[in-house]
């Protein structure tokens, strides 16, 4: 096997017998699969693409607008496990920065334009204004979820209840998460 510079793996084997697996739900045609989950020749659904955006593809305008609304209504931004190499992702982080939002970035390796997100931070701040950590997300996420549950986050979809629990713009959630 060979690992390419972009992180893709070249298994060094022919792909002529590869049979794509089906993706669940949402089909209007008949999907027939064999015991391994691959399409049967009598399947009429064609190849089903998961709801994943591949590198180089464009996002739908409705998705872009929903992401912008989510940023505009947030109090802070937590970026986990991405280099922000795609412009659409980087643009959302920059939008948060332009609004004065605290940003925490957790990624192994570099992040596109990360100096922009952390310039002019007071050296005495303890994470409430921004954090850049180089660590694996599997170490961070369990602690983060415990912390958010302790704050009462995720117990309601209503922003007014979240605000009542102290989850308001620019409180300081980052400083304890990485300690």
N, C-alpha and C. Protein backbone atom coordinates (compact mmCIF):
# COMPACT_ATOMS: atom_id res chain seq x y z
N UNK A 1 0.83 -1.19 0.00
CA UNK A 1 0.00 0.00 0.00
C UNK A 1 0.87 1.24 0.00
N UNK A 2 0.35 2.30 -0.60
CA UNK A 2 1.08 3.55 -0.68
C UNK A 2 0.17 4.68 -0.20
N UNK A 3 0.69 5.54 0.67
CA UNK A 3 -0.04 6.72 1.13
C UNK A 3 0.35 7.90 0.27
N UNK A 4 -0.61 8.46 -0.44
CA UNK A 4 -0.35 9.61 -1.30
C UNK A 4 -0.23 10.89 -0.46
N UNK A 5 0.38 11.96 -1.01
CA UNK A 5 0.54 13.21 -0.26
C UNK A 5 -0.77 13.81 0.22
N UNK A 6 -1.87 13.57 -0.50
CA UNK A 6 -3.16 14.12 -0.10
C UNK A 6 -3.86 13.27 0.95
N UNK A 7 -3.21 12.19 1.39
CA UNK A 7 -3.80 11.34 2.42
C UNK A 7 -4.57 10.16 1.88
N UNK A 8 -4.80 10.13 0.57
CA UNK A 8 -5.47 8.98 -0.02
C UNK A 8 -4.53 7.78 -0.02
N UNK A 9 -5.11 6.62 0.04
CA UNK A 9 -4.32 5.39 0.04
C UNK A 9 -4.47 4.71 -1.30
N UNK A 10 -3.34 4.33 -1.87
CA UNK A 10 -3.33 3.54 -3.09
C UNK A 10 -3.03 2.11 -2.68
N UNK A 11 -4.04 1.23 -2.75
CA UNK A 11 -3.83 -0.13 -2.26
C UNK A 11 -2.93 -0.98 -3.15
N UNK A 12 -2.59 -0.48 -4.34
CA UNK A 12 -1.73 -1.26 -5.23
C UNK A 12 -2.43 -2.48 -5.79
N UNK A 13 -3.73 -2.45 -5.85
CA UNK A 13 -4.50 -3.58 -6.37
C UNK A 13 -5.51 -3.05 -7.38
N UNK A 14 -5.88 -3.88 -8.34
CA UNK A 14 -6.86 -3.41 -9.32
C UNK A 14 -8.22 -3.17 -8.67
N UNK A 15 -8.91 -2.17 -9.15
CA UNK A 15 -10.23 -1.84 -8.61
C UNK A 15 -11.34 -2.31 -9.54
N UNK A 16 -11.02 -3.19 -10.46
CA UNK A 16 -12.00 -3.61 -11.46
C UNK A 16 -13.13 -4.43 -10.87
N UNK A 17 -12.91 -5.04 -9.71
CA UNK A 17 -13.96 -5.86 -9.11
C UNK A 17 -14.62 -5.17 -7.92
N UNK A 18 -14.29 -3.90 -7.70
CA UNK A 18 -14.88 -3.16 -6.58
C UNK A 18 -16.37 -3.00 -6.81
N UNK A 19 -17.15 -3.27 -5.78
CA UNK A 19 -18.60 -3.10 -5.84
C UNK A 19 -18.99 -2.12 -4.74
N UNK A 20 -19.50 -0.94 -5.09
CA UNK A 20 -19.81 0.06 -4.06
C UNK A 20 -20.94 -0.42 -3.16
N UNK A 21 -20.85 -0.14 -1.86
CA UNK A 21 -21.93 -0.50 -0.95
C UNK A 21 -23.10 0.45 -1.12
N UNK A 22 -24.26 0.02 -0.68
CA UNK A 22 -25.42 0.90 -0.75
C UNK A 22 -25.39 1.86 0.43
N UNK A 23 -26.13 2.93 0.30
CA UNK A 23 -26.32 3.83 1.42
C UNK A 23 -27.78 3.72 1.83
N UNK A 24 -28.08 3.81 3.10
CA UNK A 24 -29.45 3.56 3.56
C UNK A 24 -30.41 4.69 3.25
N UNK A 25 -31.65 4.30 3.01
CA UNK A 25 -32.77 5.24 2.95
C UNK A 25 -32.82 6.15 1.75
N UNK A 26 -33.99 6.74 1.55
CA UNK A 26 -34.17 7.80 0.58
C UNK A 26 -34.17 7.38 -0.88
N UNK A 27 -34.32 6.12 -1.17
CA UNK A 27 -34.29 5.69 -2.56
C UNK A 27 -35.71 5.59 -3.12
N UNK A 28 -35.85 5.91 -4.38
CA UNK A 28 -37.13 5.78 -5.06
C UNK A 28 -37.13 4.53 -5.92
N UNK A 29 -36.01 3.94 -6.12
CA UNK A 29 -35.88 2.75 -6.94
C UNK A 29 -35.65 1.55 -6.04
N UNK A 30 -35.57 0.40 -6.67
CA UNK A 30 -35.35 -0.83 -5.92
C UNK A 30 -33.87 -1.07 -5.73
N UNK A 31 -33.47 -1.27 -4.50
CA UNK A 31 -32.08 -1.58 -4.20
C UNK A 31 -32.03 -3.04 -3.76
N UNK A 32 -31.28 -3.82 -4.50
CA UNK A 32 -31.09 -5.23 -4.14
C UNK A 32 -29.60 -5.43 -3.89
N UNK A 33 -29.29 -6.05 -2.76
CA UNK A 33 -27.89 -6.25 -2.41
C UNK A 33 -27.62 -7.72 -2.12
N UNK A 34 -26.35 -8.07 -2.25
CA UNK A 34 -25.96 -9.44 -1.91
C UNK A 34 -25.57 -9.50 -0.44
N UNK A 35 -25.08 -10.64 0.01
CA UNK A 35 -24.75 -10.83 1.42
C UNK A 35 -23.64 -9.91 1.91
N UNK A 36 -22.84 -9.34 0.98
CA UNK A 36 -21.77 -8.42 1.35
C UNK A 36 -22.19 -6.97 1.31
N UNK A 37 -23.43 -6.71 0.93
CA UNK A 37 -23.92 -5.34 0.87
C UNK A 37 -23.70 -4.66 -0.46
N UNK A 38 -23.19 -5.37 -1.46
CA UNK A 38 -22.96 -4.79 -2.78
C UNK A 38 -24.22 -4.93 -3.62
N UNK A 39 -24.36 -4.06 -4.62
CA UNK A 39 -25.52 -4.10 -5.50
C UNK A 39 -25.63 -5.43 -6.23
N UNK A 40 -26.85 -5.91 -6.34
CA UNK A 40 -27.14 -7.05 -7.22
C UNK A 40 -27.35 -6.47 -8.62
N UNK A 41 -27.04 -7.22 -9.66
CA UNK A 41 -27.25 -6.71 -11.02
C UNK A 41 -28.69 -6.29 -11.31
N UNK A 42 -29.66 -6.85 -10.60
CA UNK A 42 -31.06 -6.50 -10.85
C UNK A 42 -31.50 -5.22 -10.14
N UNK A 43 -30.60 -4.60 -9.39
CA UNK A 43 -30.92 -3.35 -8.70
C UNK A 43 -31.15 -2.25 -9.72
N UNK A 44 -32.16 -1.42 -9.50
CA UNK A 44 -32.48 -0.34 -10.45
C UNK A 44 -32.16 1.04 -9.90
N UNK A 45 -31.46 1.11 -8.78
CA UNK A 45 -31.24 2.40 -8.13
C UNK A 45 -30.02 3.14 -8.65
N UNK A 46 -29.12 2.49 -9.34
CA UNK A 46 -27.89 3.14 -9.75
C UNK A 46 -26.97 3.27 -8.55
N UNK A 47 -25.93 4.05 -8.68
CA UNK A 47 -25.00 4.23 -7.57
C UNK A 47 -25.54 5.33 -6.67
N UNK A 48 -25.63 5.04 -5.39
CA UNK A 48 -26.15 6.00 -4.43
C UNK A 48 -24.99 6.75 -3.80
N UNK A 49 -25.05 8.06 -3.85
CA UNK A 49 -23.98 8.87 -3.27
C UNK A 49 -24.41 9.33 -1.89
N UNK A 50 -23.56 9.12 -0.89
CA UNK A 50 -23.91 9.61 0.44
C UNK A 50 -23.92 11.13 0.47
N UNK A 51 -24.53 11.69 1.50
CA UNK A 51 -24.59 13.15 1.64
C UNK A 51 -23.27 13.66 2.18
N UNK A 52 -22.24 13.47 1.40
CA UNK A 52 -20.89 13.90 1.76
C UNK A 52 -20.38 14.75 0.61
N UNK A 53 -19.78 15.87 0.94
CA UNK A 53 -19.21 16.73 -0.08
C UNK A 53 -17.78 16.32 -0.31
N UNK A 54 -17.45 15.95 -1.52
CA UNK A 54 -16.10 15.54 -1.85
C UNK A 54 -15.26 16.78 -2.16
N UNK A 55 -13.96 16.67 -1.93
CA UNK A 55 -13.05 17.78 -2.17
C UNK A 55 -13.20 18.25 -3.62
N UNK A 56 -13.37 19.54 -3.82
CA UNK A 56 -13.51 20.10 -5.15
C UNK A 56 -14.95 20.30 -5.58
N UNK A 57 -15.90 19.70 -4.88
CA UNK A 57 -17.31 19.90 -5.22
C UNK A 57 -17.81 21.20 -4.61
N UNK A 58 -18.88 21.71 -5.15
CA UNK A 58 -19.50 22.92 -4.62
C UNK A 58 -20.65 22.55 -3.70
N UNK A 59 -20.81 23.34 -2.64
CA UNK A 59 -21.93 23.10 -1.75
C UNK A 59 -23.17 23.80 -2.31
N UNK A 60 -24.31 23.27 -1.99
CA UNK A 60 -25.57 23.88 -2.43
C UNK A 60 -25.74 25.23 -1.73
N UNK A 61 -26.35 26.18 -2.41
CA UNK A 61 -26.52 27.51 -1.81
C UNK A 61 -27.33 27.45 -0.53
N UNK A 62 -28.30 26.54 -0.45
CA UNK A 62 -29.09 26.42 0.78
C UNK A 62 -28.23 25.95 1.95
N UNK A 63 -27.27 25.09 1.67
CA UNK A 63 -26.35 24.61 2.72
C UNK A 63 -25.43 25.75 3.15
N UNK A 64 -24.92 26.50 2.19
CA UNK A 64 -24.05 27.64 2.49
C UNK A 64 -24.78 28.66 3.37
N UNK A 65 -26.01 28.98 3.00
CA UNK A 65 -26.78 29.96 3.76
C UNK A 65 -27.11 29.46 5.16
N UNK A 66 -27.41 28.18 5.29
CA UNK A 66 -27.69 27.61 6.62
C UNK A 66 -26.44 27.65 7.49
N UNK A 67 -25.29 27.37 6.91
CA UNK A 67 -24.03 27.43 7.67
C UNK A 67 -23.74 28.86 8.11
N UNK A 68 -23.97 29.82 7.25
CA UNK A 68 -23.76 31.22 7.61
C UNK A 68 -24.71 31.65 8.73
N UNK A 69 -25.96 31.21 8.66
CA UNK A 69 -26.92 31.53 9.74
C UNK A 69 -26.47 30.91 11.06
N UNK A 70 -25.96 29.70 10.99
CA UNK A 70 -25.47 29.04 12.21
C UNK A 70 -24.31 29.82 12.82
N UNK A 71 -23.39 30.28 11.99
CA UNK A 71 -22.27 31.09 12.49
C UNK A 71 -22.81 32.39 13.08
N UNK A 72 -23.71 33.05 12.38
CA UNK A 72 -24.24 34.34 12.83
C UNK A 72 -24.98 34.24 14.16
N UNK A 73 -25.54 33.09 14.46
CA UNK A 73 -26.29 32.95 15.71
C UNK A 73 -25.46 32.31 16.82
N UNK A 74 -24.21 31.98 16.54
CA UNK A 74 -23.36 31.33 17.54
C UNK A 74 -22.64 32.36 18.40
N UNK A 75 -22.17 31.90 19.53
CA UNK A 75 -21.40 32.76 20.42
C UNK A 75 -19.91 32.49 20.33
N UNK A 76 -19.56 31.33 19.79
CA UNK A 76 -18.16 30.95 19.65
C UNK A 76 -18.08 29.86 18.60
N UNK A 77 -16.86 29.56 18.14
CA UNK A 77 -16.68 28.53 17.12
C UNK A 77 -15.62 27.54 17.58
N UNK A 78 -15.96 26.27 17.49
CA UNK A 78 -15.03 25.19 17.80
C UNK A 78 -14.79 24.41 16.51
N UNK A 79 -13.54 24.40 16.06
CA UNK A 79 -13.15 23.71 14.84
C UNK A 79 -12.33 22.50 15.26
N UNK A 80 -12.78 21.31 14.87
CA UNK A 80 -12.08 20.09 15.28
C UNK A 80 -11.75 19.24 14.06
N UNK A 81 -10.48 18.87 13.95
CA UNK A 81 -10.06 17.87 12.97
C UNK A 81 -10.13 18.29 11.52
N UNK A 82 -9.82 19.54 11.23
CA UNK A 82 -9.77 19.97 9.84
C UNK A 82 -8.68 21.02 9.67
N UNK A 83 -8.08 21.02 8.50
CA UNK A 83 -7.06 22.01 8.19
C UNK A 83 -7.68 23.28 7.61
N UNK A 84 -8.98 23.30 7.45
CA UNK A 84 -9.70 24.42 6.81
C UNK A 84 -9.15 24.70 5.41
N UNK A 85 -8.67 23.65 4.75
CA UNK A 85 -8.09 23.81 3.42
C UNK A 85 -9.13 24.24 2.38
N UNK A 86 -10.37 23.83 2.55
CA UNK A 86 -11.39 24.25 1.60
C UNK A 86 -11.82 25.67 1.93
N UNK A 87 -12.03 26.46 0.89
CA UNK A 87 -12.37 27.86 1.12
C UNK A 87 -13.69 28.00 1.85
N UNK A 88 -14.65 27.13 1.54
CA UNK A 88 -15.97 27.26 2.18
C UNK A 88 -15.86 27.10 3.69
N UNK A 89 -15.03 26.18 4.16
CA UNK A 89 -14.85 25.99 5.60
C UNK A 89 -14.07 27.16 6.20
N UNK A 90 -13.00 27.56 5.53
CA UNK A 90 -12.17 28.67 6.03
C UNK A 90 -12.99 29.96 6.10
N UNK A 91 -13.83 30.18 5.10
CA UNK A 91 -14.66 31.39 5.04
C UNK A 91 -15.59 31.47 6.25
N UNK A 92 -16.13 30.33 6.69
CA UNK A 92 -17.00 30.33 7.86
C UNK A 92 -16.23 30.70 9.12
N UNK A 93 -15.02 30.17 9.25
CA UNK A 93 -14.19 30.52 10.41
C UNK A 93 -13.83 32.01 10.37
N UNK A 94 -13.51 32.52 9.19
CA UNK A 94 -13.20 33.95 9.07
C UNK A 94 -14.42 34.80 9.40
N UNK A 95 -15.59 34.34 9.01
CA UNK A 95 -16.84 35.07 9.32
C UNK A 95 -17.00 35.18 10.84
N UNK A 96 -16.72 34.08 11.54
CA UNK A 96 -16.80 34.10 13.00
C UNK A 96 -15.78 35.07 13.58
N UNK A 97 -14.57 35.06 13.05
CA UNK A 97 -13.52 35.97 13.52
C UNK A 97 -13.92 37.42 13.27
N UNK A 98 -14.46 37.70 12.10
CA UNK A 98 -14.87 39.07 11.76
C UNK A 98 -15.96 39.58 12.70
N UNK A 99 -16.73 38.68 13.29
CA UNK A 99 -17.78 39.06 14.24
C UNK A 99 -17.24 39.14 15.67
N UNK A 100 -15.94 38.93 15.84
CA UNK A 100 -15.35 39.02 17.17
C UNK A 100 -15.58 37.79 18.03
N UNK A 101 -15.91 36.70 17.41
CA UNK A 101 -16.23 35.47 18.11
C UNK A 101 -14.96 34.76 18.58
N UNK A 102 -14.93 34.24 19.81
CA UNK A 102 -13.80 33.41 20.23
C UNK A 102 -13.77 32.13 19.39
N UNK A 103 -12.58 31.71 19.01
CA UNK A 103 -12.41 30.53 18.17
C UNK A 103 -11.43 29.58 18.82
N UNK A 104 -11.80 28.32 18.87
CA UNK A 104 -10.89 27.26 19.31
C UNK A 104 -10.69 26.32 18.13
N UNK A 105 -9.43 26.04 17.82
CA UNK A 105 -9.11 25.11 16.74
C UNK A 105 -8.28 23.98 17.31
N UNK A 106 -8.75 22.76 17.10
CA UNK A 106 -8.05 21.56 17.54
C UNK A 106 -7.79 20.72 16.29
N UNK A 107 -6.53 20.56 15.95
CA UNK A 107 -6.18 19.81 14.75
C UNK A 107 -4.75 19.31 14.86
N UNK A 108 -4.52 18.12 14.37
CA UNK A 108 -3.15 17.63 14.25
C UNK A 108 -2.60 18.18 12.94
N UNK A 109 -1.57 18.99 13.02
CA UNK A 109 -1.02 19.59 11.82
C UNK A 109 -1.51 21.01 11.63
N UNK A 110 -1.07 21.61 10.54
CA UNK A 110 -1.36 23.00 10.27
C UNK A 110 -2.80 23.27 9.89
N UNK A 111 -3.16 24.55 9.98
CA UNK A 111 -4.50 25.01 9.64
C UNK A 111 -4.34 26.22 8.73
N UNK A 112 -5.07 26.23 7.65
CA UNK A 112 -4.99 27.33 6.69
C UNK A 112 -5.25 28.67 7.37
N UNK A 113 -4.30 29.58 7.24
CA UNK A 113 -4.46 30.94 7.74
C UNK A 113 -4.71 31.06 9.22
N UNK A 114 -4.18 30.11 10.01
CA UNK A 114 -4.50 30.12 11.44
C UNK A 114 -3.99 31.36 12.16
N UNK A 115 -2.95 31.97 11.65
CA UNK A 115 -2.43 33.18 12.30
C UNK A 115 -3.49 34.27 12.35
N UNK A 116 -4.38 34.33 11.36
CA UNK A 116 -5.46 35.32 11.34
C UNK A 116 -6.39 35.15 12.54
N UNK A 117 -6.65 33.91 12.92
CA UNK A 117 -7.63 33.65 13.97
C UNK A 117 -7.11 33.95 15.37
N UNK A 118 -5.79 34.04 15.51
CA UNK A 118 -5.23 34.21 16.85
C UNK A 118 -4.35 35.44 16.99
N UNK A 119 -4.30 36.28 15.97
CA UNK A 119 -3.52 37.51 16.09
C UNK A 119 -4.19 38.45 17.08
N UNK A 120 -3.41 39.24 17.73
CA UNK A 120 -3.89 40.25 18.68
C UNK A 120 -4.59 39.68 19.90
N UNK A 121 -4.37 38.42 20.22
CA UNK A 121 -4.92 37.87 21.47
C UNK A 121 -4.01 38.28 22.62
N UNK A 122 -4.59 38.68 23.71
CA UNK A 122 -3.84 39.02 24.90
C UNK A 122 -3.10 37.78 25.40
N UNK A 123 -1.81 37.91 25.62
CA UNK A 123 -1.02 36.76 26.07
C UNK A 123 -1.47 36.25 27.44
N UNK A 124 -2.13 37.09 28.21
CA UNK A 124 -2.60 36.68 29.53
C UNK A 124 -3.93 35.94 29.52
N UNK A 125 -4.60 35.92 28.37
CA UNK A 125 -5.89 35.23 28.33
C UNK A 125 -5.65 33.73 28.49
N UNK A 126 -6.64 33.05 29.09
CA UNK A 126 -6.48 31.63 29.40
C UNK A 126 -7.36 30.74 28.54
N UNK A 127 -7.71 31.23 27.36
CA UNK A 127 -8.50 30.43 26.44
C UNK A 127 -9.88 30.97 26.20
N UNK A 128 -10.30 31.94 26.97
CA UNK A 128 -11.65 32.47 26.79
C UNK A 128 -11.80 33.26 25.49
N UNK A 129 -10.69 33.74 24.93
CA UNK A 129 -10.74 34.51 23.69
C UNK A 129 -10.34 33.70 22.46
N UNK A 130 -9.69 32.58 22.68
CA UNK A 130 -9.26 31.72 21.58
C UNK A 130 -8.28 30.68 22.05
N UNK A 131 -8.27 29.56 21.36
CA UNK A 131 -7.38 28.45 21.69
C UNK A 131 -6.94 27.78 20.40
N UNK A 132 -5.67 27.44 20.32
CA UNK A 132 -5.17 26.60 19.23
C UNK A 132 -4.45 25.44 19.89
N UNK A 133 -4.96 24.24 19.67
CA UNK A 133 -4.35 23.05 20.26
C UNK A 133 -4.07 22.02 19.18
N UNK A 134 -2.94 21.38 19.32
CA UNK A 134 -2.59 20.30 18.40
C UNK A 134 -2.71 19.00 19.17
N UNK A 135 -3.88 18.39 19.05
CA UNK A 135 -4.13 17.13 19.73
C UNK A 135 -5.17 16.34 18.95
N UNK A 136 -5.24 15.05 19.23
CA UNK A 136 -6.19 14.18 18.55
C UNK A 136 -7.60 14.41 19.09
N UNK A 137 -8.56 14.43 18.19
CA UNK A 137 -9.95 14.68 18.61
C UNK A 137 -10.49 13.56 19.49
N UNK A 138 -9.94 12.35 19.38
CA UNK A 138 -10.44 11.26 20.23
C UNK A 138 -10.07 11.47 21.69
N UNK A 139 -9.11 12.32 21.95
CA UNK A 139 -8.76 12.67 23.33
C UNK A 139 -9.65 13.81 23.84
N UNK A 140 -10.00 14.73 22.95
CA UNK A 140 -10.76 15.91 23.33
C UNK A 140 -12.27 15.66 23.44
N UNK A 141 -12.84 14.97 22.48
CA UNK A 141 -14.30 14.90 22.37
C UNK A 141 -15.01 14.32 23.60
N UNK A 142 -14.52 13.23 24.21
CA UNK A 142 -15.24 12.74 25.41
C UNK A 142 -15.29 13.78 26.54
N UNK A 143 -14.18 14.47 26.76
CA UNK A 143 -14.13 15.50 27.80
C UNK A 143 -15.03 16.68 27.43
N UNK A 144 -15.01 17.06 26.18
CA UNK A 144 -15.86 18.15 25.71
C UNK A 144 -17.34 17.82 25.90
N UNK A 145 -17.74 16.62 25.53
CA UNK A 145 -19.14 16.22 25.70
C UNK A 145 -19.55 16.22 27.17
N UNK A 146 -18.68 15.70 28.03
CA UNK A 146 -18.98 15.72 29.47
C UNK A 146 -19.17 17.16 29.95
N UNK A 147 -18.29 18.06 29.50
CA UNK A 147 -18.35 19.47 29.90
C UNK A 147 -19.65 20.12 29.41
N UNK A 148 -20.01 19.85 28.16
CA UNK A 148 -21.24 20.44 27.62
C UNK A 148 -22.48 19.89 28.32
N UNK A 149 -22.48 18.60 28.63
CA UNK A 149 -23.61 18.03 29.37
C UNK A 149 -23.72 18.65 30.76
N UNK A 150 -22.58 18.90 31.40
CA UNK A 150 -22.58 19.53 32.72
C UNK A 150 -23.16 20.94 32.66
N UNK A 151 -22.92 21.63 31.53
CA UNK A 151 -23.47 22.98 31.35
C UNK A 151 -24.95 22.95 30.99
N UNK A 152 -25.45 21.78 30.62
CA UNK A 152 -26.84 21.66 30.20
C UNK A 152 -27.03 21.86 28.72
N UNK A 153 -25.95 21.92 27.96
CA UNK A 153 -26.06 22.08 26.51
C UNK A 153 -26.63 20.81 25.91
N UNK A 154 -27.41 20.98 24.86
CA UNK A 154 -27.97 19.84 24.16
C UNK A 154 -29.25 19.31 24.77
N UNK A 155 -29.72 19.93 25.84
CA UNK A 155 -30.95 19.46 26.47
C UNK A 155 -32.19 20.06 25.83
N UNK A 156 -32.00 21.09 25.01
CA UNK A 156 -33.13 21.73 24.37
C UNK A 156 -32.68 22.34 23.06
N UNK A 157 -33.57 22.42 22.11
CA UNK A 157 -33.28 23.09 20.85
C UNK A 157 -33.63 24.57 20.91
N UNK A 158 -34.19 25.01 22.02
CA UNK A 158 -34.64 26.39 22.12
C UNK A 158 -33.52 27.27 22.63
N UNK A 159 -33.06 28.25 21.82
CA UNK A 159 -31.97 29.12 22.23
C UNK A 159 -32.26 29.87 23.53
N UNK A 160 -33.52 30.19 23.82
CA UNK A 160 -33.81 30.95 25.03
C UNK A 160 -33.45 30.15 26.28
N UNK A 161 -33.66 28.84 26.25
CA UNK A 161 -33.26 28.01 27.39
C UNK A 161 -31.75 27.92 27.51
N UNK A 162 -31.08 27.82 26.36
CA UNK A 162 -29.61 27.78 26.39
C UNK A 162 -29.07 29.08 26.99
N UNK A 163 -29.66 30.20 26.59
CA UNK A 163 -29.21 31.48 27.13
C UNK A 163 -29.47 31.56 28.63
N UNK A 164 -30.60 31.02 29.08
CA UNK A 164 -30.93 31.03 30.50
C UNK A 164 -29.95 30.19 31.31
N UNK A 165 -29.34 29.20 30.69
CA UNK A 165 -28.37 28.36 31.39
C UNK A 165 -26.96 28.97 31.32
N UNK A 166 -26.83 30.16 30.79
CA UNK A 166 -25.53 30.82 30.77
C UNK A 166 -24.71 30.53 29.53
N UNK A 167 -25.31 29.98 28.50
CA UNK A 167 -24.58 29.68 27.28
C UNK A 167 -24.74 30.84 26.31
N UNK A 168 -24.32 32.00 26.71
CA UNK A 168 -24.52 33.19 25.91
C UNK A 168 -23.23 33.59 25.22
N UNK A 169 -23.35 34.52 24.32
CA UNK A 169 -22.22 34.95 23.52
C UNK A 169 -21.03 35.37 24.40
N UNK A 170 -19.89 34.83 24.02
CA UNK A 170 -18.60 35.21 24.59
C UNK A 170 -18.44 34.90 26.07
N UNK A 171 -19.21 33.92 26.62
CA UNK A 171 -18.77 33.47 27.94
C UNK A 171 -17.53 32.64 27.71
N UNK A 172 -16.90 32.10 28.70
CA UNK A 172 -15.58 31.51 28.47
C UNK A 172 -15.57 30.00 28.59
N UNK A 173 -16.04 29.29 27.59
CA UNK A 173 -16.08 27.83 27.68
C UNK A 173 -14.78 27.15 27.32
N UNK A 174 -13.90 27.83 26.60
CA UNK A 174 -12.72 27.16 26.08
C UNK A 174 -11.67 26.89 27.14
N UNK A 175 -11.58 27.74 28.12
CA UNK A 175 -10.43 27.68 29.03
C UNK A 175 -10.35 26.39 29.82
N UNK A 176 -11.48 25.75 30.12
CA UNK A 176 -11.44 24.52 30.90
C UNK A 176 -11.40 23.27 30.04
N UNK A 177 -11.77 23.37 28.79
CA UNK A 177 -11.89 22.17 27.96
C UNK A 177 -10.57 21.51 27.67
N UNK A 178 -9.52 22.27 27.57
CA UNK A 178 -8.24 21.71 27.17
C UNK A 178 -7.26 21.59 28.32
N UNK A 179 -7.74 21.81 29.54
CA UNK A 179 -6.83 21.73 30.68
C UNK A 179 -6.75 20.32 31.23
